[in-house]
Amino acid sequence: MHELGLCDAIVEAALGRAGGRRVNAVRVRVGGHPVDPRVIDTGFRLAAAGTVVQDATVELVTVPYVMRCAGCGAEQEARTATDLLACRSCGGMDVESSTDESVVVESITFEPVPGTA
C-alpha cells in the first residue's frame, strides 16, 4: 500500500469515529509492508490538514518483516534489503515474506465532548 494512500485511510478512519470531536492521537499497526515513519508523519499531516485530526500525533507500530526460506525452512526478521532477497542461514534465493500484510487503527484518542466529565 502506498504511504500517502495509507495516510488518507488513517485520517478517514479517525474522522469517521471522531463525530466532530478533536482527535489528539492515532495509533496504527502496520505489518507485512515496510513503511518509513517520516513519510507517514508527513503524509498524515497533509491528509489531516484542515480537519479535526490536524493536530493529532500518529504513533506507528511496525510488525517485523519476517522472511521464510523455502530451501532450509529458516524464518528470520529482515534487517537489511539483502534479507528480502536471500536467506542469511543458507544463502538461498527462494525466500518470501511470512508476515501478513495488515493495517489496523488500534486506537484513536479524542478530546472530551464539551460539558461532559
PDB file of N, CA and C in Angstrom:
ATOM      1  N   MET A   1       0.858  -1.183   0.000  1.00  0.00           N
ATOM      2  CA  MET A   1       0.000   0.000   0.000  1.00  0.00           C
ATOM      3  C   MET A   1       0.896   1.236   0.000  1.00  0.00           C
ATOM      4  N   HIS A   2       0.605   2.182  -0.834  1.00  0.00           N
ATOM      5  CA  HIS A   2       1.370   3.414  -0.924  1.00  0.00           C
ATOM      6  C   HIS A   2       1.169   4.228   0.354  1.00  0.00           C
ATOM      7  N   GLU A   3       2.251   4.842   0.847  1.00  0.00           N
ATOM      8  CA  GLU A   3       2.179   5.546   2.131  1.00  0.00           C
ATOM      9  C   GLU A   3       1.146   6.668   2.157  1.00  0.00           C
ATOM     10  N   LEU A   4       1.046   7.434   1.057  1.00  0.00           N
ATOM     11  CA  LEU A   4       0.079   8.538   1.066  1.00  0.00           C
ATOM     12  C   LEU A   4      -1.352   8.027   1.076  1.00  0.00           C
ATOM     13  N   GLY A   5      -1.615   6.947   0.366  1.00  0.00           N
ATOM     14  CA  GLY A   5      -2.939   6.327   0.413  1.00  0.00           C
ATOM     15  C   GLY A   5      -3.234   5.792   1.801  1.00  0.00           C
ATOM     16  N   LEU A   6      -2.213   5.231   2.440  1.00  0.00           N
ATOM     17  CA  LEU A   6      -2.347   4.736   3.808  1.00  0.00           C
ATOM     18  C   LEU A   6      -2.707   5.886   4.746  1.00  0.00           C
ATOM     19  N   CYS A   7      -2.037   7.015   4.583  1.00  0.00           N
ATOM     20  CA  CYS A   7      -2.315   8.172   5.441  1.00  0.00           C
ATOM     21  C   CYS A   7      -3.734   8.692   5.243  1.00  0.00           C
ATOM     22  N   ASP A   8      -4.175   8.753   3.985  1.00  0.00           N
ATOM     23  CA  ASP A   8      -5.561   9.165   3.719  1.00  0.00           C
ATOM     24  C   ASP A   8      -6.546   8.240   4.426  1.00  0.00           C
ATOM     25  N   ALA A   9      -6.290   6.937   4.367  1.00  0.00           N
ATOM     26  CA  ALA A   9      -7.180   5.965   5.000  1.00  0.00           C
ATOM     27  C   ALA A   9      -7.186   6.115   6.518  1.00  0.00           C
ATOM     28  N   ILE A  10      -6.027   6.387   7.111  1.00  0.00           N
ATOM     29  CA  ILE A  10      -5.938   6.582   8.571  1.00  0.00           C
ATOM     30  C   ILE A  10      -6.753   7.800   8.979  1.00  0.00           C
ATOM     31  N   VAL A  11      -6.578   8.901   8.255  1.00  0.00           N
ATOM     32  CA  VAL A  11      -7.318  10.129   8.581  1.00  0.00           C
ATOM     33  C   VAL A  11      -8.818   9.911   8.387  1.00  0.00           C
ATOM     34  N   GLU A  12      -9.214   9.239   7.324  1.00  0.00           N
ATOM     35  CA  GLU A  12     -10.638   8.960   7.101  1.00  0.00           C
ATOM     36  C   GLU A  12     -11.226   8.120   8.232  1.00  0.00           C
ATOM     37  N   ALA A  13     -10.471   7.129   8.696  1.00  0.00           N
ATOM     38  CA  ALA A  13     -10.939   6.307   9.821  1.00  0.00           C
ATOM     39  C   ALA A  13     -11.110   7.156  11.071  1.00  0.00           C
ATOM     40  N   ALA A  14     -10.149   8.031  11.334  1.00  0.00           N
ATOM     41  CA  ALA A  14     -10.238   8.893  12.518  1.00  0.00           C
ATOM     42  C   ALA A  14     -11.416   9.854  12.402  1.00  0.00           C
ATOM     43  N   LEU A  15     -11.598  10.426  11.224  1.00  0.00           N
ATOM     44  CA  LEU A  15     -12.728  11.337  11.024  1.00  0.00           C
ATOM     45  C   LEU A  15     -14.053  10.618  11.204  1.00  0.00           C
ATOM     46  N   GLY A  16     -14.138   9.393  10.723  1.00  0.00           N
ATOM     47  CA  GLY A  16     -15.368   8.617  10.848  1.00  0.00           C
ATOM     48  C   GLY A  16     -15.751   8.330  12.281  1.00  0.00           C
ATOM     49  N   ARG A  17     -14.755   8.186  13.135  1.00  0.00           N
ATOM     50  CA  ARG A  17     -15.021   7.900  14.551  1.00  0.00           C
ATOM     51  C   ARG A  17     -15.097   9.164  15.405  1.00  0.00           C
ATOM     52  N   ALA A  18     -14.590  10.281  14.905  1.00  0.00           N
ATOM     53  CA  ALA A  18     -14.463  11.493  15.716  1.00  0.00           C
ATOM     54  C   ALA A  18     -15.802  12.128  16.066  1.00  0.00           C
ATOM     55  N   GLY A  19     -16.760  12.042  15.178  1.00  0.00           N
ATOM     56  CA  GLY A  19     -18.042  12.681  15.455  1.00  0.00           C
ATOM     57  C   GLY A  19     -17.898  14.166  15.727  1.00  0.00           C
ATOM     58  N   GLY A  20     -16.976  14.820  15.042  1.00  0.00           N
ATOM     59  CA  GLY A  20     -16.760  16.253  15.223  1.00  0.00           C
ATOM     60  C   GLY A  20     -15.812  16.604  16.350  1.00  0.00           C
ATOM     61  N   ARG A  21     -15.478  15.629  17.193  1.00  0.00           N
ATOM     62  CA  ARG A  21     -14.531  15.898  18.296  1.00  0.00           C
ATOM     63  C   ARG A  21     -13.112  16.013  17.752  1.00  0.00           C
ATOM     64  N   ARG A  22     -12.308  16.832  18.404  1.00  0.00           N
ATOM     65  CA  ARG A  22     -10.909  16.975  18.023  1.00  0.00           C
ATOM     66  C   ARG A  22     -10.167  15.686  18.388  1.00  0.00           C
ATOM     67  N   VAL A  23      -9.360  15.207  17.465  1.00  0.00           N
ATOM     68  CA  VAL A  23      -8.578  13.988  17.678  1.00  0.00           C
ATOM     69  C   VAL A  23      -7.187  14.384  18.175  1.00  0.00           C
ATOM     70  N   ASN A  24      -6.756  13.769  19.285  1.00  0.00           N
ATOM     71  CA  ASN A  24      -5.443  14.062  19.847  1.00  0.00           C
ATOM     72  C   ASN A  24      -4.357  13.101  19.367  1.00  0.00           C
ATOM     73  N   ALA A  25      -4.711  11.837  19.165  1.00  0.00           N
ATOM     74  CA  ALA A  25      -3.702  10.843  18.791  1.00  0.00           C
ATOM     75  C   ALA A  25      -4.352   9.670  18.066  1.00  0.00           C
ATOM     76  N   VAL A  26      -3.561   9.064  17.192  1.00  0.00           N
ATOM     77  CA  VAL A  26      -3.983   7.869  16.468  1.00  0.00           C
ATOM     78  C   VAL A  26      -2.826   6.885  16.531  1.00  0.00           C
ATOM     79  N   ARG A  27      -3.139   5.638  16.874  1.00  0.00           N
ATOM     80  CA  ARG A  27      -2.127   4.575  16.928  1.00  0.00           C
ATOM     81  C   ARG A  27      -2.463   3.559  15.835  1.00  0.00           C
ATOM     82  N   VAL A  28      -1.459   3.286  14.971  1.00  0.00           N
ATOM     83  CA  VAL A  28      -1.666   2.415  13.821  1.00  0.00           C
ATOM     84  C   VAL A  28      -0.606   1.324  13.806  1.00  0.00           C
ATOM     85  N   ARG A  29      -1.052   0.078  13.609  1.00  0.00           N
ATOM     86  CA  ARG A  29      -0.131  -1.068  13.491  1.00  0.00           C
ATOM     87  C   ARG A  29      -0.076  -1.481  12.029  1.00  0.00           C
ATOM     88  N   VAL A  30       1.150  -1.568  11.491  1.00  0.00           N
ATOM     89  CA  VAL A  30       1.362  -1.939  10.091  1.00  0.00           C
ATOM     90  C   VAL A  30       2.228  -3.191  10.051  1.00  0.00           C
ATOM     91  N   GLY A  31       1.748  -4.206   9.346  1.00  0.00           N
ATOM     92  CA  GLY A  31       2.505  -5.448   9.216  1.00  0.00           C
ATOM     93  C   GLY A  31       2.651  -5.856   7.770  1.00  0.00           C
ATOM     94  N   GLY A  32       3.784  -6.455   7.444  1.00  0.00           N
ATOM     95  CA  GLY A  32       3.996  -7.000   6.111  1.00  0.00           C
ATOM     96  C   GLY A  32       4.229  -5.974   5.034  1.00  0.00           C
ATOM     97  N   HIS A  33       4.479  -4.750   5.441  1.00  0.00           N
ATOM     98  CA  HIS A  33       4.717  -3.688   4.475  1.00  0.00           C
ATOM     99  C   HIS A  33       5.702  -2.711   5.088  1.00  0.00           C
ATOM    100  N   PRO A  34       6.918  -2.651   4.562  1.00  0.00           N
ATOM    101  CA  PRO A  34       7.868  -1.696   5.143  1.00  0.00           C
ATOM    102  C   PRO A  34       7.416  -0.260   4.880  1.00  0.00           C
ATOM    103  N   VAL A  35       7.372   0.543   5.913  1.00  0.00           N
ATOM    104  CA  VAL A  35       6.980   1.943   5.782  1.00  0.00           C
ATOM    105  C   VAL A  35       8.021   2.822   6.469  1.00  0.00           C
ATOM    106  N   ASP A  36       8.156   4.023   5.968  1.00  0.00           N
ATOM    107  CA  ASP A  36       9.073   5.000   6.545  1.00  0.00           C
ATOM    108  C   ASP A  36       8.267   5.897   7.487  1.00  0.00           C
ATOM    109  N   PRO A  37       8.564   5.871   8.782  1.00  0.00           N
ATOM    110  CA  PRO A  37       7.787   6.687   9.728  1.00  0.00           C
ATOM    111  C   PRO A  37       7.776   8.175   9.383  1.00  0.00           C
ATOM    112  N   ARG A  38       8.851   8.683   8.814  1.00  0.00           N
ATOM    113  CA  ARG A  38       8.901  10.112   8.444  1.00  0.00           C
ATOM    114  C   ARG A  38       7.915  10.402   7.311  1.00  0.00           C
ATOM    115  N   VAL A  39       7.825   9.481   6.360  1.00  0.00           N
ATOM    116  CA  VAL A  39       6.886   9.662   5.249  1.00  0.00           C
ATOM    117  C   VAL A  39       5.450   9.583   5.768  1.00  0.00           C
ATOM    118  N   ILE A  40       5.211   8.649   6.687  1.00  0.00           N
ATOM    119  CA  ILE A  40       3.864   8.529   7.278  1.00  0.00           C
ATOM    120  C   ILE A  40       3.506   9.807   8.018  1.00  0.00           C
ATOM    121  N   ASP A  41       4.426  10.349   8.803  1.00  0.00           N
ATOM    122  CA  ASP A  41       4.148  11.566   9.558  1.00  0.00           C
ATOM    123  C   ASP A  41       3.816  12.722   8.616  1.00  0.00           C
ATOM    124  N   THR A  42       4.612  12.894   7.577  1.00  0.00           N
ATOM    125  CA  THR A  42       4.371  13.973   6.614  1.00  0.00           C
ATOM    126  C   THR A  42       3.044  13.765   5.880  1.00  0.00           C
ATOM    127  N   GLY A  43       2.799  12.538   5.419  1.00  0.00           N
ATOM    128  CA  GLY A  43       1.557  12.238   4.720  1.00  0.00           C
ATOM    129  C   GLY A  43       0.338  12.428   5.601  1.00  0.00           C
ATOM    130  N   PHE A  44       0.471  12.041   6.861  1.00  0.00           N
ATOM    131  CA  PHE A  44      -0.617  12.204   7.822  1.00  0.00           C
ATOM    132  C   PHE A  44      -0.942  13.688   7.995  1.00  0.00           C
ATOM    133  N   ARG A  45       0.088  14.511   8.129  1.00  0.00           N
ATOM    134  CA  ARG A  45      -0.116  15.962   8.289  1.00  0.00           C
ATOM    135  C   ARG A  45      -0.843  16.540   7.072  1.00  0.00           C
ATOM    136  N   LEU A  46      -0.432  16.103   5.883  1.00  0.00           N
ATOM    137  CA  LEU A  46      -1.080  16.600   4.660  1.00  0.00           C
ATOM    138  C   LEU A  46      -2.538  16.158   4.580  1.00  0.00           C
ATOM    139  N   ALA A  47      -2.791  14.889   4.860  1.00  0.00           N
ATOM    140  CA  ALA A  47      -4.151  14.346   4.773  1.00  0.00           C
ATOM    141  C   ALA A  47      -5.074  14.950   5.834  1.00  0.00           C
ATOM    142  N   ALA A  48      -4.513  15.300   6.990  1.00  0.00           N
ATOM    143  CA  ALA A  48      -5.323  15.795   8.105  1.00  0.00           C
ATOM    144  C   ALA A  48      -5.512  17.302   8.100  1.00  0.00           C
ATOM    145  N   ALA A  49      -4.793  18.020   7.261  1.00  0.00           N
ATOM    146  CA  ALA A  49      -4.856  19.487   7.249  1.00  0.00           C
ATOM    147  C   ALA A  49      -6.294  19.970   7.104  1.00  0.00           C
ATOM    148  N   GLY A  50      -6.669  20.900   7.977  1.00  0.00           N
ATOM    149  CA  GLY A  50      -7.996  21.497   7.914  1.00  0.00           C
ATOM    150  C   GLY A  50      -9.106  20.659   8.515  1.00  0.00           C
ATOM    151  N   THR A  51      -8.753  19.566   9.190  1.00  0.00           N
ATOM    152  CA  THR A  51      -9.764  18.701   9.813  1.00  0.00           C
ATOM    153  C   THR A  51      -9.565  18.673  11.326  1.00  0.00           C
ATOM    154  N   VAL A  52     -10.468  17.992  12.025  1.00  0.00           N
ATOM    155  CA  VAL A  52     -10.337  17.848  13.473  1.00  0.00           C
ATOM    156  C   VAL A  52      -9.179  16.918  13.852  1.00  0.00           C
ATOM    157  N   VAL A  53      -8.532  16.349  12.863  1.00  0.00           N
ATOM    158  CA  VAL A  53      -7.407  15.437  13.089  1.00  0.00           C
ATOM    159  C   VAL A  53      -6.074  16.162  12.915  1.00  0.00           C
ATOM    160  N   GLN A  54      -6.082  17.397  12.431  1.00  0.00           N
ATOM    161  CA  GLN A  54      -4.854  18.062  12.008  1.00  0.00           C
ATOM    162  C   GLN A  54      -3.776  18.197  13.077  1.00  0.00           C
ATOM    163  N   ASP A  55      -4.123  18.299  14.327  1.00  0.00           N
ATOM    164  CA  ASP A  55      -3.106  18.458  15.370  1.00  0.00           C
ATOM    165  C   ASP A  55      -2.770  17.156  16.092  1.00  0.00           C
ATOM    166  N   ALA A  56      -3.341  16.068  15.628  1.00  0.00           N
ATOM    167  CA  ALA A  56      -3.125  14.770  16.289  1.00  0.00           C
ATOM    168  C   ALA A  56      -1.720  14.244  16.015  1.00  0.00           C
ATOM    169  N   THR A  57      -1.245  13.456  16.950  1.00  0.00           N
ATOM    170  CA  THR A  57       0.004  12.729  16.717  1.00  0.00           C
ATOM    171  C   THR A  57      -0.368  11.363  16.169  1.00  0.00           C
ATOM    172  N   VAL A  58       0.514  10.808  15.348  1.00  0.00           N
ATOM    173  CA  VAL A  58       0.298   9.462  14.828  1.00  0.00           C
ATOM    174  C   VAL A  58       1.430   8.588  15.345  1.00  0.00           C
ATOM    175  N   GLU A  59       1.046   7.529  16.039  1.00  0.00           N
ATOM    176  CA  GLU A  59       2.024   6.571  16.545  1.00  0.00           C
ATOM    177  C   GLU A  59       1.984   5.363  15.621  1.00  0.00           C
ATOM    178  N   LEU A  60       3.118   5.057  15.029  1.00  0.00           N
ATOM    179  CA  LEU A  60       3.216   3.958  14.086  1.00  0.00           C
ATOM    180  C   LEU A  60       3.908   2.781  14.763  1.00  0.00           C
ATOM    181  N   VAL A  61       3.213   1.654  14.805  1.00  0.00           N
ATOM    182  CA  VAL A  61       3.773   0.423  15.353  1.00  0.00           C
ATOM    183  C   VAL A  61       3.987  -0.515  14.165  1.00  0.00           C
ATOM    184  N   THR A  62       5.235  -0.880  13.928  1.00  0.00           N
ATOM    185  CA  THR A  62       5.502  -1.750  12.785  1.00  0.00           C
ATOM    186  C   THR A  62       5.757  -3.175  13.259  1.00  0.00           C
ATOM    187  N   VAL A  63       5.111  -4.102  12.589  1.00  0.00           N
ATOM    188  CA  VAL A  63       5.305  -5.529  12.856  1.00  0.00           C
ATOM    189  C   VAL A  63       6.537  -5.950  12.060  1.00  0.00           C
ATOM    190  N   PRO A  64       7.484  -6.635  12.691  1.00  0.00           N
ATOM    191  CA  PRO A  64       8.697  -7.029  11.969  1.00  0.00           C
ATOM    192  C   PRO A  64       8.387  -7.816  10.708  1.00  0.00           C
ATOM    193  N   TYR A  65       9.153  -7.547   9.688  1.00  0.00           N
ATOM    194  CA  TYR A  65       9.031  -8.216   8.401  1.00  0.00           C
ATOM    195  C   TYR A  65       9.825  -9.510   8.486  1.00  0.00           C
ATOM    196  N   VAL A  66       9.153 -10.651   8.469  1.00  0.00           N
ATOM    197  CA  VAL A  66       9.802 -11.952   8.629  1.00  0.00           C
ATOM    198  C   VAL A  66       9.831 -12.670   7.289  1.00  0.00           C
ATOM    199  N   MET A  67      11.024 -13.177   6.944  1.00  0.00           N
ATOM    200  CA  MET A  67      11.209 -13.898   5.691  1.00  0.00           C
ATOM    201  C   MET A  67      11.372 -15.386   5.980  1.00  0.00           C
ATOM    202  N   ARG A  68      10.771 -16.216   5.112  1.00  0.00           N
ATOM    203  CA  ARG A  68      10.868 -17.672   5.231  1.00  0.00           C
ATOM    204  C   ARG A  68      11.625 -18.194   4.010  1.00  0.00           C
ATOM    205  N   CYS A  69      12.598 -19.084   4.259  1.00  0.00           N
ATOM    206  CA  CYS A  69      13.374 -19.684   3.183  1.00  0.00           C
ATOM    207  C   CYS A  69      12.762 -21.030   2.818  1.00  0.00           C
ATOM    208  N   ALA A  70      12.441 -21.200   1.533  1.00  0.00           N
ATOM    209  CA  ALA A  70      11.880 -22.473   1.071  1.00  0.00           C
ATOM    210  C   ALA A  70      12.940 -23.567   1.075  1.00  0.00           C
ATOM    211  N   GLY A  71      14.215 -23.179   0.958  1.00  0.00           N
ATOM    212  CA  GLY A  71      15.299 -24.160   0.911  1.00  0.00           C
ATOM    213  C   GLY A  71      15.587 -24.814   2.238  1.00  0.00           C
ATOM    214  N   CYS A  72      15.821 -24.007   3.269  1.00  0.00           N
ATOM    215  CA  CYS A  72      16.210 -24.568   4.570  1.00  0.00           C
ATOM    216  C   CYS A  72      15.127 -24.427   5.637  1.00  0.00           C
ATOM    217  N   GLY A  73      14.062 -23.671   5.342  1.00  0.00           N
ATOM    218  CA  GLY A  73      12.963 -23.510   6.289  1.00  0.00           C
ATOM    219  C   GLY A  73      13.180 -22.441   7.346  1.00  0.00           C
ATOM    220  N   ALA A  74      14.314 -21.751   7.289  1.00  0.00           N
ATOM    221  CA  ALA A  74      14.602 -20.715   8.294  1.00  0.00           C
ATOM    222  C   ALA A  74      13.606 -19.568   8.174  1.00  0.00           C
ATOM    223  N   GLU A  75      13.193 -19.047   9.322  1.00  0.00           N
ATOM    224  CA  GLU A  75      12.386 -17.836   9.377  1.00  0.00           C
ATOM    225  C   GLU A  75      13.183 -16.809  10.161  1.00  0.00           C
ATOM    226  N   GLN A  76      13.418 -15.655   9.519  1.00  0.00           N
ATOM    227  CA  GLN A  76      14.245 -14.627  10.139  1.00  0.00           C
ATOM    228  C   GLN A  76      13.671 -13.254   9.853  1.00  0.00           C
ATOM    229  N   GLU A  77      13.810 -12.376  10.835  1.00  0.00           N
ATOM    230  CA  GLU A  77      13.380 -10.998  10.649  1.00  0.00           C
ATOM    231  C   GLU A  77      14.301 -10.334   9.633  1.00  0.00           C
ATOM    232  N   ALA A  78      13.714  -9.670   8.664  1.00  0.00           N
ATOM    233  CA  ALA A  78      14.506  -8.952   7.666  1.00  0.00           C
ATOM    234  C   ALA A  78      15.068  -7.692   8.311  1.00  0.00           C
ATOM    235  N   ARG A  79      16.381  -7.581   8.317  1.00  0.00           N
ATOM    236  CA  ARG A  79      17.053  -6.414   8.903  1.00  0.00           C
ATOM    237  C   ARG A  79      17.665  -5.515   7.839  1.00  0.00           C
ATOM    238  N   THR A  80      17.922  -6.096   6.667  1.00  0.00           N
ATOM    239  CA  THR A  80      18.522  -5.339   5.573  1.00  0.00           C
ATOM    240  C   THR A  80      17.769  -5.654   4.288  1.00  0.00           C
ATOM    241  N   ALA A  81      18.039  -4.866   3.252  1.00  0.00           N
ATOM    242  CA  ALA A  81      17.422  -5.122   1.954  1.00  0.00           C
ATOM    243  C   ALA A  81      17.849  -6.479   1.408  1.00  0.00           C
ATOM    244  N   THR A  82      19.065  -6.910   1.710  1.00  0.00           N
ATOM    245  CA  THR A  82      19.558  -8.205   1.252  1.00  0.00           C
ATOM    246  C   THR A  82      18.731  -9.342   1.837  1.00  0.00           C
ATOM    247  N   ASP A  83      18.260  -9.174   3.070  1.00  0.00           N
ATOM    248  CA  ASP A  83      17.443 -10.211   3.712  1.00  0.00           C
ATOM    249  C   ASP A  83      16.130 -10.453   2.971  1.00  0.00           C
ATOM    250  N   LEU A  84      15.695  -9.472   2.180  1.00  0.00           N
ATOM    251  CA  LEU A  84      14.467  -9.631   1.394  1.00  0.00           C
ATOM    252  C   LEU A  84      14.710 -10.477   0.147  1.00  0.00           C
ATOM    253  N   LEU A  85      15.987 -10.689  -0.182  1.00  0.00           N
ATOM    254  CA  LEU A  85      16.345 -11.399  -1.409  1.00  0.00           C
ATOM    255  C   LEU A  85      16.982 -12.761  -1.183  1.00  0.00           C
ATOM    256  N   ALA A  86      17.694 -12.911  -0.052  1.00  0.00           N
ATOM    257  CA  ALA A  86      18.435 -14.153   0.187  1.00  0.00           C
ATOM    258  C   ALA A  86      18.401 -14.518   1.665  1.00  0.00           C
ATOM    259  N   CYS A  87      18.428 -15.827   1.923  1.00  0.00           N
ATOM    260  CA  CYS A  87      18.405 -16.355   3.286  1.00  0.00           C
ATOM    261  C   CYS A  87      19.766 -16.137   3.949  1.00  0.00           C
ATOM    262  N   ARG A  88      19.751 -15.588   5.161  1.00  0.00           N
ATOM    263  CA  ARG A  88      21.003 -15.410   5.911  1.00  0.00           C
ATOM    264  C   ARG A  88      21.581 -16.749   6.352  1.00  0.00           C
ATOM    265  N   SER A  89      20.746 -17.758   6.518  1.00  0.00           N
ATOM    266  CA  SER A  89      21.226 -19.054   7.009  1.00  0.00           C
ATOM    267  C   SER A  89      21.934 -19.864   5.938  1.00  0.00           C
ATOM    268  N   CYS A  90      21.310 -19.974   4.757  1.00  0.00           N
ATOM    269  CA  CYS A  90      21.874 -20.861   3.733  1.00  0.00           C
ATOM    270  C   CYS A  90      22.270 -20.146   2.445  1.00  0.00           C
ATOM    271  N   GLY A  91      21.906 -18.861   2.321  1.00  0.00           N
ATOM    272  CA  GLY A  91      22.225 -18.119   1.111  1.00  0.00           C
ATOM    273  C   GLY A  91      21.244 -18.343  -0.022  1.00  0.00           C
ATOM    274  N   GLY A  92      20.241 -19.209   0.197  1.00  0.00           N
ATOM    275  CA  GLY A  92      19.246 -19.493  -0.837  1.00  0.00           C
ATOM    276  C   GLY A  92      18.462 -18.260  -1.235  1.00  0.00           C
ATOM    277  N   MET A  93      18.045 -18.241  -2.488  1.00  0.00           N
ATOM    278  CA  MET A  93      17.321 -17.080  -3.023  1.00  0.00           C
ATOM    279  C   MET A  93      15.809 -17.301  -3.087  1.00  0.00           C
ATOM    280  N   ASP A  94      15.340 -18.451  -2.614  1.00  0.00           N
ATOM    281  CA  ASP A  94      13.905 -18.751  -2.643  1.00  0.00           C
ATOM    282  C   ASP A  94      13.288 -18.369  -1.296  1.00  0.00           C
ATOM    283  N   VAL A  95      13.163 -17.049  -1.071  1.00  0.00           N
ATOM    284  CA  VAL A  95      12.617 -16.540   0.185  1.00  0.00           C
ATOM    285  C   VAL A  95      11.340 -15.752  -0.095  1.00  0.00           C
ATOM    286  N   GLU A  96      10.451 -15.764   0.880  1.00  0.00           N
ATOM    287  CA  GLU A  96       9.226 -14.969   0.774  1.00  0.00           C
ATOM    288  C   GLU A  96       8.823 -14.509   2.164  1.00  0.00           C
ATOM    289  N   SER A  97       8.041 -13.461   2.197  1.00  0.00           N
ATOM    290  CA  SER A  97       7.586 -12.922   3.470  1.00  0.00           C
ATOM    291  C   SER A  97       6.553 -13.853   4.097  1.00  0.00           C
ATOM    292  N   SER A  98       6.691 -14.078   5.390  1.00  0.00           N
ATOM    293  CA  SER A  98       5.683 -14.847   6.115  1.00  0.00           C
ATOM    294  C   SER A  98       4.851 -13.936   7.017  1.00  0.00           C
ATOM    295  N   THR A  99       5.033 -12.629   6.861  1.00  0.00           N
ATOM    296  CA  THR A  99       4.289 -11.650   7.646  1.00  0.00           C
ATOM    297  C   THR A  99       3.037 -11.248   6.877  1.00  0.00           C
ATOM    298  N   ASP A 100       1.886 -11.353   7.521  1.00  0.00           N
ATOM    299  CA  ASP A 100       0.636 -10.939   6.882  1.00  0.00           C
ATOM    300  C   ASP A 100       0.627  -9.433   6.680  1.00  0.00           C
ATOM    301  N   GLU A 101       0.178  -9.014   5.506  1.00  0.00           N
ATOM    302  CA  GLU A 101       0.012  -7.585   5.264  1.00  0.00           C
ATOM    303  C   GLU A 101      -1.232  -7.120   5.986  1.00  0.00           C
ATOM    304  N   SER A 102      -1.060  -6.114   6.826  1.00  0.00           N
ATOM    305  CA  SER A 102      -2.204  -5.598   7.570  1.00  0.00           C
ATOM    306  C   SER A 102      -1.960  -4.160   7.988  1.00  0.00           C
ATOM    307  N   VAL A 103      -3.036  -3.423   8.089  1.00  0.00           N
ATOM    308  CA  VAL A 103      -3.023  -2.076   8.641  1.00  0.00           C
ATOM    309  C   VAL A 103      -4.215  -2.006   9.577  1.00  0.00           C
ATOM    310  N   VAL A 104      -3.943  -1.728  10.849  1.00  0.00           N
ATOM    311  CA  VAL A 104      -5.001  -1.694  11.854  1.00  0.00           C
ATOM    312  C   VAL A 104      -4.898  -0.387  12.633  1.00  0.00           C
ATOM    313  N   VAL A 105      -5.975   0.385  12.644  1.00  0.00           N
ATOM    314  CA  VAL A 105      -6.040   1.548  13.526  1.00  0.00           C
ATOM    315  C   VAL A 105      -6.389   0.991  14.900  1.00  0.00           C
ATOM    316  N   GLU A 106      -5.393   0.958  15.779  1.00  0.00           N
ATOM    317  CA  GLU A 106      -5.583   0.343  17.098  1.00  0.00           C
ATOM    318  C   GLU A 106      -6.325   1.235  18.072  1.00  0.00           C
ATOM    319  N   SER A 107      -6.047   2.540  18.000  1.00  0.00           N
ATOM    320  CA  SER A 107      -6.743   3.437  18.921  1.00  0.00           C
ATOM    321  C   SER A 107      -6.790   4.847  18.361  1.00  0.00           C
ATOM    322  N   ILE A 108      -7.829   5.558  18.776  1.00  0.00           N
ATOM    323  CA  ILE A 108      -7.994   6.974  18.444  1.00  0.00           C
ATOM    324  C   ILE A 108      -8.350   7.671  19.747  1.00  0.00           C
ATOM    325  N   THR A 109      -7.581   8.690  20.090  1.00  0.00           N
ATOM    326  CA  THR A 109      -7.819   9.429  21.324  1.00  0.00           C
ATOM    327  C   THR A 109      -8.453  10.776  20.968  1.00  0.00           C
ATOM    328  N   PHE A 110      -9.604  11.036  21.579  1.00  0.00           N
ATOM    329  CA  PHE A 110     -10.355  12.257  21.303  1.00  0.00           C
ATOM    330  C   PHE A 110     -10.314  13.196  22.497  1.00  0.00           C
ATOM    331  N   GLU A 111     -10.614  14.483  22.231  1.00  0.00           N
ATOM    332  CA  GLU A 111     -10.875  15.400  23.326  1.00  0.00           C
ATOM    333  C   GLU A 111     -12.294  15.124  23.809  1.00  0.00           C
ATOM    334  N   PRO A 112     -12.545  15.292  25.094  1.00  0.00           N
ATOM    335  CA  PRO A 112     -13.907  15.046  25.588  1.00  0.00           C
ATOM    336  C   PRO A 112     -14.914  16.004  24.949  1.00  0.00           C
ATOM    337  N   VAL A 113     -16.141  15.546  24.859  1.00  0.00           N
ATOM    338  CA  VAL A 113     -17.225  16.381  24.363  1.00  0.00           C
ATOM    339  C   VAL A 113     -17.459  17.479  25.414  1.00  0.00           C
ATOM    340  N   PRO A 114     -17.562  18.736  24.973  1.00  0.00           N
ATOM    341  CA  PRO A 114     -17.800  19.812  25.947  1.00  0.00           C
ATOM    342  C   PRO A 114     -19.029  19.528  26.814  1.00  0.00           C
ATOM    343  N   GLY A 115     -18.866  19.776  28.107  1.00  0.00           N
ATOM    344  CA  GLY A 115     -19.970  19.580  29.047  1.00  0.00           C
ATOM    345  C   GLY A 115     -20.032  18.196  29.642  1.00  0.00           C
ATOM    346  N   THR A 116     -19.055  17.319  29.300  1.00  0.00           N
ATOM    347  CA  THR A 116     -19.010  16.001  29.917  1.00  0.00           C
ATOM    348  C   THR A 116     -17.730  15.861  30.718  1.00  0.00           C
ATOM    349  N   ALA A 117     -17.739  14.943  31.654  1.00  0.00           N
ATOM    350  CA  ALA A 117     -16.553  14.764  32.505  1.00  0.00           C
ATOM    351  C   ALA A 117     -15.636  13.741  31.905  1.00  0.00           C
TER     352      ALA A 117
END
